[in-house]
Amino acid sequence: MSTIRHTFGPRAFKAVLVLILALGVCLPACSAQDKAAKDQPKSPKGAMAQVNGKDITEADVMKFAADQFANLEKQYEQQKRELLENALEQTIQDRLLEEESKAAGKTKEQILADMKPAEVSEADIETFYQQNKAQIEPRTKEQVAPMIKQYLEQQRQADMQQKFYEGLRAKHKIRYLLEPTRIEVAATGPAHGPETAPITIVEFSDFQCPYCARLIPTLDEVKKKYGEKVRIVFRQYPLAFHQFAQKAAEASLCAHEQGKFWELHDAMFQNQAELSVDQLKAKAATMGMNAEQFNTCLDNAKYAAAVKADFDAGSKAGVNGTPAMFINGRFLSGAQPLNEITKVIDDELQRKAAAPSSSK
């Protein structure tokens, strides 16, 4: 404010005053409106409204909409955390680039400018157009060729930079000290792997979900790669719009009580078109189960409550679709590719190896 006072001379102040009056901006002055406002009765301290003379306070409003305010606060904290983690990654990349620029005797801008991906050819454009023709039509290749070329150039540039930074990460020593966001989810349910495994993956899944079926081979690769280091726990999350998902979930737990969960699990995911109750009973009969016990279990909805408990636990943890995974509490949504899953697992193993042993 002191700068403004020293800057404005008499002439400048007069010009500003004329401009304010010309624009109709109200300066402090007595008016009928002001008197009317003074005549209004003042609200009691802390009240936001009144009904028949009874106060409604902010505390009343907060209590009435407690769930909504809690969700809003949770979303804010999640967004803030995501921003922090993304900013950390960008800062690490910038620090790596700075180290590389010193070693190369170039500026950071020069190093990035030197990264020139291969030119996009007409053949590249033709291939992309043919692969995506169904989504592009009725527009012709000639109409979209410039956009395709620009997209492929940007993609190649991004891929080159990603490989560049991956190389720098392998070249330099990076240690993460920021603890990742973890969500507490109970690892209860059918499981592969020892309870003492350093990595626990809690998967929420739906037997009728095609994306869940796509995740199965990926998790099989995880088992092969990490062996006894990983424990995979299956929890139920049947989506309401999947007609057969609820009974399929119950059927899997009926099979579990006879030690046949994973056999029925694999059979249902291999053929998701056959998940009616009669078809589930037929599948169970071929797996060496006690058919009468299985059928009674399924008909009586013995595990309906257990399925609901899983669903509620998933929803509380933030699951709103399938598949969803929690790797040592770290949330991954959707049928993630193998490299995304192994990235988290490797980071968790590295953290555990770097962590000081607890003294007894």
Protein backbone atom coordinates (compact mmCIF):
# COMPACT_ATOMS: atom_id res chain seq x y z
CA MET A 1 0.00 0.00 0.00
CA SER A 2 2.89 2.42 0.71
CA THR A 3 4.11 2.01 -2.88
CA ILE A 4 0.74 3.08 -4.26
CA ARG A 5 0.61 6.19 -2.07
CA HIS A 6 4.09 7.33 -3.19
CA THR A 7 3.37 6.59 -6.85
CA PHE A 8 0.09 8.53 -7.11
CA GLY A 9 0.62 12.30 -7.35
CA PRO A 10 -2.25 14.84 -7.22
CA ARG A 11 -2.85 14.65 -10.96
CA ALA A 12 -2.85 10.84 -11.00
CA PHE A 13 -5.21 10.72 -8.04
CA LYS A 14 -7.59 13.14 -9.77
CA ALA A 15 -7.54 11.03 -12.95
CA VAL A 16 -8.29 7.86 -11.02
CA LEU A 17 -11.13 9.62 -9.17
CA VAL A 18 -12.67 10.79 -12.45
CA LEU A 19 -12.38 7.25 -13.87
CA ILE A 20 -14.05 5.70 -10.82
CA LEU A 21 -16.94 8.16 -10.98
CA ALA A 22 -17.32 7.65 -14.72
CA LEU A 23 -17.56 3.87 -14.25
CA GLY A 24 -20.15 4.28 -11.53
CA VAL A 25 -18.09 2.63 -8.82
CA CYS A 26 -19.47 3.53 -5.40
CA LEU A 27 -17.14 5.21 -2.95
CA PRO A 28 -17.90 5.13 0.77
CA ALA A 29 -20.83 7.50 1.42
CA CYS A 30 -24.01 7.75 3.42
CA SER A 31 -27.10 6.51 1.62
CA ALA A 32 -30.60 5.25 2.16
CA GLN A 33 -29.36 1.73 1.48
CA ASP A 34 -26.74 2.12 4.16
CA LYS A 35 -29.39 3.27 6.66
CA ALA A 36 -31.64 0.37 5.69
CA ALA A 37 -28.77 -2.05 6.29
CA LYS A 38 -28.16 -0.54 9.71
CA ASP A 39 -31.82 -0.96 10.57
CA GLN A 40 -31.71 -4.71 9.82
CA PRO A 41 -31.54 -6.83 12.98
CA LYS A 42 -28.15 -8.45 13.39
CA SER A 43 -27.92 -12.25 13.43
CA PRO A 44 -26.88 -13.79 16.70
CA LYS A 45 -23.19 -14.65 16.82
CA GLY A 46 -22.51 -18.04 15.18
CA ALA A 47 -25.95 -18.38 13.58
CA MET A 48 -26.23 -18.97 9.83
CA ALA A 49 -30.03 -18.90 9.70
CA GLN A 50 -33.09 -19.07 11.91
CA VAL A 51 -36.31 -21.05 11.75
CA ASN A 52 -39.06 -19.63 13.97
CA GLY A 53 -36.42 -17.76 15.93
CA LYS A 54 -34.27 -20.87 16.50
CA ASP A 55 -30.66 -20.63 15.34
CA ILE A 56 -29.07 -22.89 12.73
CA THR A 57 -25.34 -22.77 13.36
CA GLU A 58 -22.41 -23.88 11.26
CA ALA A 59 -22.03 -26.85 13.58
CA ASP A 60 -25.62 -27.89 12.79
CA VAL A 61 -24.94 -27.71 9.06
CA MET A 62 -21.64 -29.60 9.35
CA LYS A 63 -23.34 -32.33 11.36
CA PHE A 64 -26.25 -32.62 8.90
CA ALA A 65 -23.91 -33.01 5.90
CA ALA A 66 -21.06 -34.76 7.73
CA ASP A 67 -20.61 -37.48 5.10
CA GLN A 68 -20.44 -35.01 2.22
CA PHE A 69 -17.92 -32.80 4.02
CA ALA A 70 -15.83 -35.86 4.94
CA ASN A 71 -15.78 -37.01 1.31
CA LEU A 72 -14.84 -33.53 0.16
CA GLU A 73 -11.98 -33.41 2.63
CA LYS A 74 -10.84 -36.86 1.54
CA GLN A 75 -10.88 -35.86 -2.14
CA TYR A 76 -8.91 -32.72 -1.34
CA GLU A 77 -6.26 -34.68 0.54
CA GLN A 78 -6.00 -37.23 -2.29
CA GLN A 79 -5.62 -34.52 -4.93
CA LYS A 80 -3.06 -32.70 -2.80
CA ARG A 81 -1.10 -35.92 -2.37
CA GLU A 82 -1.23 -36.73 -6.09
CA LEU A 83 0.03 -33.24 -6.88
CA LEU A 84 2.87 -33.64 -4.38
CA GLU A 85 3.91 -37.02 -5.81
CA ASN A 86 3.75 -35.79 -9.41
CA ALA A 87 5.75 -32.70 -8.51
CA LEU A 88 8.34 -34.91 -6.78
CA GLU A 89 8.75 -37.02 -9.94
CA GLN A 90 9.18 -33.89 -12.06
CA THR A 91 11.71 -32.48 -9.60
CA ILE A 92 13.70 -35.72 -9.67
CA GLN A 93 13.71 -35.66 -13.49
CA ASP A 94 14.90 -32.06 -13.47
CA ARG A 95 17.69 -32.92 -11.01
CA LEU A 96 18.76 -35.88 -13.17
CA LEU A 97 18.77 -33.67 -16.26
CA GLU A 98 20.86 -31.10 -14.41
CA GLU A 99 23.44 -33.76 -13.49
CA GLU A 100 23.53 -34.96 -17.10
CA SER A 101 23.97 -31.42 -18.43
CA LYS A 102 26.97 -30.86 -16.16
CA ALA A 103 28.59 -34.11 -17.31
CA ALA A 104 27.96 -33.34 -20.98
CA GLY A 105 28.92 -29.67 -20.77
CA LYS A 106 25.59 -28.63 -22.25
CA THR A 107 22.54 -26.81 -21.02
CA LYS A 108 19.44 -28.77 -20.12
CA GLU A 109 17.64 -27.21 -23.07
CA GLN A 110 20.38 -28.34 -25.47
CA ILE A 111 20.19 -31.93 -24.24
CA LEU A 112 16.44 -32.04 -24.73
CA ALA A 113 16.72 -30.40 -28.14
CA ASP A 114 19.26 -33.04 -29.22
CA MET A 115 16.65 -35.77 -28.76
CA LYS A 116 15.18 -36.13 -32.22
CA PRO A 117 12.97 -39.15 -32.87
CA ALA A 118 12.67 -40.78 -36.28
CA GLU A 119 10.64 -38.88 -38.87
CA VAL A 120 7.00 -39.91 -39.31
CA SER A 121 6.66 -41.35 -42.79
CA GLU A 122 3.64 -41.67 -45.07
CA ALA A 123 3.75 -45.40 -44.35
CA ASP A 124 3.47 -44.68 -40.62
CA ILE A 125 0.43 -42.48 -41.23
CA GLU A 126 -1.16 -45.11 -43.46
CA THR A 127 -0.61 -47.85 -40.86
CA PHE A 128 -2.14 -45.74 -38.09
CA TYR A 129 -5.10 -44.81 -40.27
CA GLN A 130 -5.84 -48.42 -41.20
CA GLN A 131 -5.55 -49.58 -37.57
CA ASN A 132 -7.98 -46.89 -36.38
CA LYS A 133 -10.15 -46.55 -39.48
CA ALA A 134 -13.35 -47.61 -37.71
CA GLN A 135 -13.04 -44.75 -35.22
CA ILE A 136 -11.89 -42.17 -37.79
CA GLU A 137 -14.45 -42.68 -40.54
CA PRO A 138 -16.25 -41.01 -42.28
CA ARG A 139 -13.24 -38.66 -42.48
CA THR A 140 -10.71 -39.60 -45.15
CA LYS A 141 -7.02 -40.21 -44.60
CA GLU A 142 -6.20 -36.98 -46.43
CA GLN A 143 -8.38 -35.03 -44.02
CA VAL A 144 -6.79 -36.43 -40.87
CA ALA A 145 -3.22 -37.03 -42.07
CA PRO A 146 -1.83 -33.80 -40.52
CA MET A 147 -3.38 -34.63 -37.14
CA ILE A 148 -2.10 -38.22 -37.30
CA LYS A 149 1.40 -36.99 -38.14
CA GLN A 150 1.36 -34.52 -35.23
CA TYR A 151 0.10 -37.17 -32.82
CA LEU A 152 2.77 -39.69 -33.88
CA GLU A 153 5.51 -37.06 -33.60
CA GLN A 154 4.43 -36.13 -30.10
CA GLN A 155 4.17 -39.79 -29.11
CA ARG A 156 7.66 -40.58 -30.41
CA GLN A 157 9.10 -37.54 -28.66
CA ALA A 158 7.44 -38.58 -25.38
CA ASP A 159 8.67 -42.18 -25.77
CA MET A 160 12.22 -40.99 -26.41
CA GLN A 161 12.20 -38.73 -23.38
CA GLN A 162 10.77 -41.51 -21.21
CA LYS A 163 13.56 -43.89 -22.27
CA PHE A 164 16.09 -41.12 -21.68
CA TYR A 165 14.91 -40.57 -18.11
CA GLU A 166 14.72 -44.31 -17.47
CA GLY A 167 18.38 -44.49 -18.49
CA LEU A 168 19.25 -41.65 -16.13
CA ARG A 169 17.40 -43.36 -13.29
CA ALA A 170 19.44 -46.51 -13.84
CA LYS A 171 22.62 -44.45 -14.00
CA HIS A 172 22.09 -42.43 -10.82
CA LYS A 173 21.20 -43.48 -7.30
CA ILE A 174 17.67 -42.46 -6.32
CA ARG A 175 16.16 -43.17 -2.94
CA TYR A 176 12.59 -42.24 -2.16
CA LEU A 177 12.02 -41.03 1.39
CA LEU A 178 8.45 -39.81 0.91
CA GLU A 179 6.15 -42.54 2.16
CA PRO A 180 3.57 -43.41 -0.53
CA THR A 181 -0.14 -43.12 0.14
CA ARG A 182 -1.42 -46.34 1.66
CA ILE A 183 -5.01 -47.38 2.26
CA GLU A 184 -5.68 -49.94 4.97
CA VAL A 185 -7.45 -52.94 3.45
CA ALA A 186 -7.78 -56.27 5.25
CA ALA A 187 -6.07 -59.14 3.42
CA THR A 188 -8.84 -61.64 4.13
CA GLY A 189 -10.06 -64.18 1.61
CA PRO A 190 -8.74 -66.92 -0.68
CA ALA A 191 -5.04 -66.36 -1.29
CA HIS A 192 -1.95 -67.46 -3.20
CA GLY A 193 1.42 -67.16 -1.47
CA PRO A 194 2.66 -67.21 2.14
CA GLU A 195 1.31 -64.89 4.82
CA THR A 196 4.89 -63.84 5.56
CA ALA A 197 5.44 -62.51 2.02
CA PRO A 198 6.82 -58.93 1.98
CA ILE A 199 4.31 -57.98 -0.73
CA THR A 200 0.56 -58.44 -0.34
CA ILE A 201 -1.75 -57.70 -3.26
CA VAL A 202 -5.43 -57.43 -2.34
CA GLU A 203 -7.48 -57.72 -5.52
CA PHE A 204 -11.15 -56.71 -5.73
CA SER A 205 -12.71 -58.48 -8.69
CA ASP A 206 -15.93 -59.42 -10.53
CA PHE A 207 -16.22 -62.80 -12.26
CA GLN A 208 -18.31 -61.31 -15.09
CA CYS A 209 -15.98 -58.36 -15.72
CA PRO A 210 -13.94 -58.77 -18.94
CA TYR A 211 -11.19 -56.47 -17.65
CA CYS A 212 -10.80 -58.68 -14.58
CA ALA A 213 -10.28 -61.65 -16.90
CA ARG A 214 -7.54 -59.71 -18.71
CA LEU A 215 -5.70 -59.20 -15.44
CA ILE A 216 -5.38 -62.95 -14.72
CA PRO A 217 -2.40 -63.61 -17.07
CA THR A 218 -0.67 -60.50 -15.70
CA LEU A 219 -1.00 -61.72 -12.12
CA ASP A 220 0.25 -65.14 -13.24
CA GLU A 221 3.39 -63.39 -14.54
CA VAL A 222 3.74 -61.64 -11.18
CA LYS A 223 3.62 -65.01 -9.41
CA LYS A 224 6.30 -66.41 -11.72
CA LYS A 225 8.58 -63.43 -11.32
CA TYR A 226 8.38 -62.94 -7.54
CA GLY A 227 7.42 -66.38 -6.23
CA GLU A 228 7.20 -66.50 -2.44
CA LYS A 229 7.76 -62.76 -2.15
CA VAL A 230 4.17 -62.05 -3.19
CA ARG A 231 0.83 -63.01 -1.67
CA ILE A 232 -2.31 -62.38 -3.73
CA VAL A 233 -5.62 -62.16 -1.87
CA PHE A 234 -8.93 -62.27 -3.75
CA ARG A 235 -11.88 -60.23 -2.53
CA GLN A 236 -15.34 -59.95 -4.09
CA TYR A 237 -16.69 -56.86 -5.84
CA PRO A 238 -19.67 -57.95 -8.02
CA LEU A 239 -21.01 -54.99 -9.96
CA ALA A 240 -24.78 -54.49 -9.94
CA PHE A 241 -25.09 -54.30 -13.74
CA HIS A 242 -23.49 -57.74 -14.18
CA GLN A 243 -26.42 -60.15 -14.03
CA PHE A 244 -24.51 -63.23 -12.88
CA ALA A 245 -21.70 -61.65 -10.87
CA GLN A 246 -23.34 -61.92 -7.42
CA LYS A 247 -24.09 -65.65 -7.60
CA ALA A 248 -20.70 -66.30 -9.21
CA ALA A 249 -19.06 -64.58 -6.24
CA GLU A 250 -21.09 -66.70 -3.82
CA ALA A 251 -20.25 -69.84 -5.81
CA SER A 252 -16.53 -69.15 -5.52
CA LEU A 253 -16.82 -69.07 -1.73
CA CYS A 254 -18.91 -72.24 -1.73
CA ALA A 255 -16.05 -73.83 -3.65
CA HIS A 256 -13.55 -72.30 -1.23
CA GLU A 257 -15.07 -74.17 1.71
CA GLN A 258 -14.25 -77.38 -0.18
CA GLY A 259 -10.73 -76.24 -1.07
CA LYS A 260 -11.58 -75.62 -4.73
CA PHE A 261 -11.70 -71.83 -4.95
CA TRP A 262 -8.92 -71.33 -7.49
CA GLU A 263 -10.15 -74.15 -9.71
CA LEU A 264 -13.61 -72.58 -10.00
CA HIS A 265 -12.05 -69.10 -10.16
CA ASP A 266 -10.05 -70.08 -13.25
CA ALA A 267 -12.97 -71.90 -14.88
CA MET A 268 -15.32 -68.94 -14.48
CA PHE A 269 -12.84 -66.43 -15.87
CA GLN A 270 -12.00 -68.72 -18.79
CA ASN A 271 -15.66 -68.86 -19.83
CA GLN A 272 -17.56 -65.81 -18.62
CA ALA A 273 -20.52 -66.65 -20.85
CA GLU A 274 -21.46 -69.59 -18.60
CA LEU A 275 -22.14 -68.14 -15.16
CA SER A 276 -25.79 -68.99 -14.55
CA VAL A 277 -26.58 -70.93 -11.38
CA ASP A 278 -27.17 -74.18 -13.29
CA GLN A 279 -23.93 -73.75 -15.21
CA LEU A 280 -22.02 -73.05 -11.99
CA LYS A 281 -23.41 -76.20 -10.44
CA ALA A 282 -22.39 -78.17 -13.52
CA LYS A 283 -18.85 -76.78 -13.34
CA ALA A 284 -18.57 -77.65 -9.65
CA ALA A 285 -19.67 -81.22 -10.32
CA THR A 286 -16.70 -81.74 -12.66
CA MET A 287 -14.15 -80.57 -10.07
CA GLY A 288 -14.47 -83.31 -7.53
CA MET A 289 -16.59 -81.29 -5.11
CA ASN A 290 -19.44 -82.61 -3.03
CA ALA A 291 -22.21 -81.53 -5.43
CA GLU A 292 -25.00 -81.63 -2.85
CA GLN A 293 -23.03 -79.49 -0.41
CA PHE A 294 -22.12 -77.00 -3.13
CA ASN A 295 -25.66 -76.76 -4.49
CA THR A 296 -27.19 -76.25 -1.04
CA CYS A 297 -24.58 -73.61 -0.24
CA LEU A 298 -25.35 -71.70 -3.44
CA ASP A 299 -29.16 -72.06 -3.25
CA ASN A 300 -29.24 -70.86 0.36
CA ALA A 301 -27.02 -67.84 -0.40
CA LYS A 302 -24.74 -68.95 2.42
CA TYR A 303 -22.02 -66.46 1.52
CA ALA A 304 -24.15 -63.53 0.34
CA ALA A 305 -23.31 -61.58 3.49
CA ALA A 306 -19.59 -62.29 3.06
CA VAL A 307 -19.74 -61.03 -0.52
CA LYS A 308 -21.48 -57.85 0.65
CA ALA A 309 -18.87 -57.35 3.36
CA ASP A 310 -16.12 -57.52 0.73
CA PHE A 311 -18.00 -55.10 -1.51
CA ASP A 312 -18.52 -52.63 1.32
CA ALA A 313 -14.87 -52.86 2.35
CA GLY A 314 -13.78 -52.15 -1.22
CA SER A 315 -16.12 -49.18 -1.58
CA LYS A 316 -14.89 -47.75 1.71
CA ALA A 317 -11.30 -48.04 0.44
CA GLY A 318 -12.15 -46.12 -2.73
CA VAL A 319 -12.97 -48.91 -5.19
CA ASN A 320 -15.67 -47.96 -7.70
CA GLY A 321 -14.89 -50.38 -10.52
CA THR A 322 -13.09 -53.61 -11.27
CA PRO A 323 -10.43 -54.81 -11.20
CA ALA A 324 -8.83 -52.86 -8.38
CA MET A 325 -5.67 -53.73 -6.46
CA PHE A 326 -3.95 -52.62 -3.28
CA ILE A 327 -0.24 -53.47 -3.29
CA ASN A 328 0.83 -53.14 0.33
CA GLY A 329 -2.00 -50.61 0.53
CA ARG A 330 -1.03 -48.72 -2.63
CA PHE A 331 -4.07 -48.37 -4.88
CA LEU A 332 -4.01 -49.34 -8.57
CA SER A 333 -7.26 -49.15 -10.52
CA GLY A 334 -8.08 -51.10 -13.67
CA ALA A 335 -6.36 -53.91 -15.59
CA GLN A 336 -2.88 -52.45 -15.19
CA PRO A 337 -0.05 -53.71 -17.42
CA LEU A 338 2.69 -55.84 -15.91
CA ASN A 339 5.28 -53.03 -15.86
CA GLU A 340 3.03 -50.78 -13.76
CA ILE A 341 2.47 -53.52 -11.20
CA THR A 342 6.11 -54.58 -11.05
CA LYS A 343 7.17 -50.94 -10.68
CA VAL A 344 5.21 -50.71 -7.43
CA ILE A 345 6.35 -54.15 -6.24
CA ASP A 346 10.02 -53.37 -6.93
CA ASP A 347 9.71 -50.05 -5.11
CA GLU A 348 8.13 -51.78 -2.12
CA LEU A 349 10.89 -54.40 -2.01
CA GLN A 350 13.52 -51.66 -2.26
CA ARG A 351 11.90 -49.74 0.59
CA LYS A 352 11.81 -52.82 2.78
CA ALA A 353 15.45 -53.60 2.03
CA ALA A 354 16.47 -50.02 2.89
CA ALA A 355 14.38 -49.85 6.03
CA PRO A 356 16.37 -50.23 9.28
CA SER A 357 15.64 -53.44 11.15
CA SER A 358 13.49 -52.88 14.24
CA SER A 359 15.30 -53.39 17.50
CA LYS A 360 13.71 -55.74 20.00
